[in-house]
């Protein structure tokens, strides 16, 4: 998934003109700087595609998580 960087930049008025309005709460989110590009992109996916993306991101997070300290290793103050 990728959104062109220029679609995420701009002042609130420019962003409001760029994205469709789904009501006052949506407009307020855009004006507050919420990245609606990602919301729009994810809502285009089927539920199965969203779950696959969640699984992919969960595996990435797990791979990047630091290893826990080994048993017996005790951090001692210097």
Protein backbone atom coordinates (compact mmCIF):
# COMPACT_ATOMS: atom_id res chain seq x y z
CA UNK A 1 0.00 0.00 0.00
CA UNK A 2 1.33 3.39 -0.84
CA UNK A 3 -0.12 6.84 -1.10
CA UNK A 4 1.75 9.58 -2.95
CA UNK A 5 3.40 11.88 -0.43
CA UNK A 6 1.86 14.96 -2.08
CA UNK A 7 -1.62 13.62 -1.25
CA UNK A 8 -0.82 13.74 2.46
CA UNK A 9 0.67 17.23 2.54
CA UNK A 10 -1.12 20.52 2.70
CA UNK A 11 -3.10 22.82 4.87
CA UNK A 12 -6.52 21.66 6.16
CA UNK A 13 -8.44 23.52 3.42
CA UNK A 14 -6.39 21.84 0.68
CA UNK A 15 -6.82 18.43 2.31
CA UNK A 16 -10.58 18.96 2.70
CA UNK A 17 -10.80 19.75 -1.02
CA UNK A 18 -8.75 16.65 -1.90
CA UNK A 19 -10.82 14.08 0.03
CA UNK A 20 -14.56 13.39 -0.17
CA UNK A 21 -16.67 14.48 2.77
CA UNK A 22 -18.44 11.81 4.79
CA UNK A 23 -19.90 14.31 7.22
CA UNK A 24 -18.76 16.80 9.85
CA UNK A 25 -16.84 14.26 11.96
CA UNK A 26 -14.83 13.17 8.91
CA UNK A 27 -14.15 16.79 7.93
CA UNK A 28 -13.03 17.57 11.49
CA UNK A 29 -10.64 14.61 11.39
CA UNK A 30 -9.14 15.82 8.10
CA UNK A 31 -8.81 19.36 9.49
CA UNK A 32 -7.12 17.95 12.62
CA UNK A 33 -4.53 16.19 10.48
CA UNK A 34 -5.80 12.60 10.59
CA UNK A 35 -4.28 10.58 7.74
CA UNK A 36 -7.50 9.69 5.93
CA UNK A 37 -5.50 8.38 2.96
CA UNK A 38 -4.69 5.25 4.94
CA UNK A 39 -8.29 4.92 6.10
CA UNK A 40 -9.54 5.23 2.53
CA UNK A 41 -6.98 2.74 1.30
CA UNK A 42 -7.83 0.17 3.97
CA UNK A 43 -11.57 0.51 3.39
CA UNK A 44 -11.01 -0.44 -0.26
CA UNK A 45 -9.70 -3.84 0.87
CA UNK A 46 -11.95 -6.83 1.39
CA UNK A 47 -12.20 -8.19 4.94
CA UNK A 48 -9.93 -11.10 3.93
CA UNK A 49 -7.35 -8.66 2.53
CA UNK A 50 -7.49 -6.60 5.73
CA UNK A 51 -6.88 -9.71 7.83
CA UNK A 52 -3.96 -10.72 5.61
CA UNK A 53 -2.48 -7.23 6.03
CA UNK A 54 -2.98 -7.42 9.81
CA UNK A 55 -1.25 -10.82 9.86
CA UNK A 56 1.65 -9.47 7.79
CA UNK A 57 2.10 -6.45 10.07
CA UNK A 58 1.85 -8.62 13.21
CA UNK A 59 4.61 -10.90 11.90
CA UNK A 60 6.76 -7.86 11.11
CA UNK A 61 6.24 -6.44 14.59
CA UNK A 62 7.15 -9.78 16.16
CA UNK A 63 10.30 -10.02 14.02
CA UNK A 64 11.38 -6.52 15.06
CA UNK A 65 10.68 -6.99 18.76
CA UNK A 66 13.88 -7.16 20.83
CA UNK A 67 14.69 -10.54 22.34
CA UNK A 68 13.93 -10.84 26.06
CA UNK A 69 16.93 -11.05 28.39
CA UNK A 70 18.13 -14.60 28.99
CA UNK A 71 17.24 -16.26 32.27
CA UNK A 72 19.79 -15.55 34.93
CA UNK A 73 20.90 -12.31 33.33
CA UNK A 74 20.27 -9.69 35.94
CA UNK A 75 20.90 -6.07 35.21
CA UNK A 76 23.02 -4.70 38.00
CA UNK A 77 23.53 -1.02 38.72
CA UNK A 78 27.04 0.24 38.07
